[in-house]
Protein backbone atom coordinates (compact mmCIF):
# COMPACT_ATOMS: atom_id res chain seq x y z
CA UNK A 1 4.04 -25.09 -0.73
CA UNK A 2 0.74 -26.39 -2.11
CA UNK A 3 -0.64 -22.83 -2.00
CA UNK A 4 2.31 -21.66 -4.08
CA UNK A 5 1.68 -24.37 -6.67
CA UNK A 6 -2.02 -23.56 -6.75
CA UNK A 7 -1.38 -19.84 -7.26
CA UNK A 8 1.14 -20.54 -9.99
CA UNK A 9 -1.27 -22.89 -11.80
CA UNK A 10 -4.17 -20.47 -11.37
CA UNK A 11 -2.24 -17.54 -12.82
CA UNK A 12 -0.82 -19.50 -15.72
CA UNK A 13 -4.25 -20.90 -16.59
CA UNK A 14 -5.60 -17.40 -17.21
CA UNK A 15 -2.98 -16.44 -19.77
CA UNK A 16 -3.82 -15.94 -23.42
CA UNK A 17 -3.29 -18.99 -25.57
CA UNK A 18 0.33 -19.27 -26.55
CA UNK A 19 1.57 -16.75 -23.98
CA UNK A 20 4.84 -17.74 -22.37
CA UNK A 21 6.58 -16.86 -19.16
CA UNK A 22 6.18 -17.28 -15.45
CA UNK A 23 3.18 -16.19 -13.36
CA UNK A 24 3.64 -12.61 -12.19
CA UNK A 25 2.71 -12.17 -8.54
CA UNK A 26 2.69 -8.85 -6.71
CA UNK A 27 2.52 -8.95 -2.92
CA UNK A 28 1.17 -5.97 -0.98
CA UNK A 29 2.20 -6.45 2.63
CA UNK A 30 3.80 -4.15 5.09
CA UNK A 31 3.83 -1.83 7.99
CA UNK A 32 5.73 -4.05 10.38
CA UNK A 33 8.13 -6.96 10.14
CA UNK A 34 5.31 -9.12 11.50
CA UNK A 35 3.50 -8.59 8.20
CA UNK A 36 6.50 -8.42 5.88
CA UNK A 37 8.45 -11.49 7.02
CA UNK A 38 5.55 -13.95 6.46
CA UNK A 39 4.94 -12.32 3.05
CA UNK A 40 8.61 -12.87 2.20
CA UNK A 41 8.25 -16.55 3.14
CA UNK A 42 5.29 -16.83 0.74
CA UNK A 43 7.31 -14.99 -1.92
CA UNK A 44 10.18 -17.45 -1.50
CA UNK A 45 7.80 -20.41 -1.90
CA UNK A 46 6.19 -18.86 -4.98
CA UNK A 47 9.58 -18.07 -6.53
CA UNK A 48 10.73 -21.66 -5.87
CA UNK A 49 7.73 -22.83 -7.94
CA UNK A 50 8.70 -20.56 -10.82
CA UNK A 51 6.64 -17.44 -10.15
CA UNK A 52 7.94 -13.96 -10.89
CA UNK A 53 7.38 -12.15 -7.56
CA UNK A 54 7.60 -8.47 -6.65
CA UNK A 55 6.15 -6.25 -3.93
CA UNK A 56 4.28 -3.00 -3.51
CA UNK A 57 4.35 -1.10 -0.22
CA UNK A 58 4.91 2.08 1.77
CA UNK A 59 8.05 4.13 1.28
CA UNK A 60 8.52 4.81 5.00
CA UNK A 61 7.70 1.44 6.56
CA UNK A 62 9.64 -1.76 7.21
CA UNK A 63 8.96 -3.24 3.77
CA UNK A 64 11.06 -0.49 2.16
CA UNK A 65 14.17 -2.06 3.75
CA UNK A 66 13.25 -5.72 4.29
CA UNK A 67 11.98 -6.51 0.80
CA UNK A 68 15.01 -5.29 -1.20
CA UNK A 69 17.32 -6.89 1.38
CA UNK A 70 15.60 -10.21 0.61
CA UNK A 71 16.26 -9.77 -3.11
CA UNK A 72 12.85 -8.65 -4.35
CA UNK A 73 11.82 -5.57 -6.30
CA UNK A 74 9.37 -3.24 -4.58
CA UNK A 75 7.28 -0.36 -5.86
CA UNK A 76 7.10 2.21 -3.06
CA UNK A 77 3.99 4.31 -2.54
CA UNK A 78 3.38 7.38 -0.40
CA UNK A 79 0.93 5.94 2.13
CA UNK A 80 0.82 5.60 5.91
CA UNK A 81 -0.97 3.58 8.54
CA UNK A 82 -4.34 4.56 9.93
CA UNK A 83 -4.18 6.16 13.39
CA UNK A 84 -7.45 5.17 15.03
CA UNK A 85 -7.06 7.54 17.98
CA UNK A 86 -6.57 10.69 15.91
CA UNK A 87 -9.40 11.48 13.47
CA UNK A 88 -7.44 14.23 11.69
CA UNK A 89 -4.44 11.98 11.04
CA UNK A 90 -6.77 9.12 10.09
CA UNK A 91 -8.42 11.35 7.49
CA UNK A 92 -4.99 12.32 6.18
CA UNK A 93 -4.01 8.66 5.86
CA UNK A 94 -7.24 7.93 4.00
CA UNK A 95 -6.49 10.81 1.64
CA UNK A 96 -2.98 9.51 0.98
CA UNK A 97 -4.36 6.03 0.31
CA UNK A 98 -6.90 7.39 -2.16
CA UNK A 99 -4.21 9.43 -3.91
CA UNK A 100 -1.96 6.33 -4.16
CA UNK A 101 -4.56 4.24 -6.01
CA UNK A 102 -3.59 5.46 -9.51
CA UNK A 103 0.10 4.83 -8.79
CA UNK A 104 -0.68 1.34 -7.48
CA UNK A 105 -2.80 0.52 -10.53
CA UNK A 106 -0.03 1.77 -12.81
CA UNK A 107 2.54 -0.37 -10.98
CA UNK A 108 0.36 -3.48 -11.23
CA UNK A 109 -0.20 -2.87 -14.93
CA UNK A 110 3.51 -2.23 -15.61
CA UNK A 111 4.48 -5.42 -13.80
CA UNK A 112 1.83 -7.40 -15.67
CA UNK A 113 0.45 -8.71 -12.37
CA UNK A 114 -1.62 -11.86 -12.74
CA UNK A 115 -1.99 -12.45 -9.00
CA UNK A 116 -2.17 -9.86 -6.21
CA UNK A 117 -1.64 -11.16 -2.69
CA UNK A 118 -2.39 -8.88 0.25
CA UNK A 119 -1.00 -9.36 3.73
CA UNK A 120 -1.03 -6.95 6.63
């Protein structure tokens, strides 16, 4: 809970003078429930402290179902996990990740993200 308060204070302290509203936090976590569920717990703590929380993640991984089910908005990107045992598929995943950067930047800008938290 103290981390949530600290993040909320940190984000609000960087706002322009006179700006109003809650801190906007975007969480990038996914792949498996083992990454998404802890990120959702952090999101719940941040929201309880007054933060505006949303997610960004992969369209075909667990976050695409778990995050909306928990009541959070998510921006879905076309990315996939890195397969270490297959160099061709690993290169393809790296290419998808590079291609997703502009979409991710756009999403962060549109959401007015003040804090980006990565997990998993």
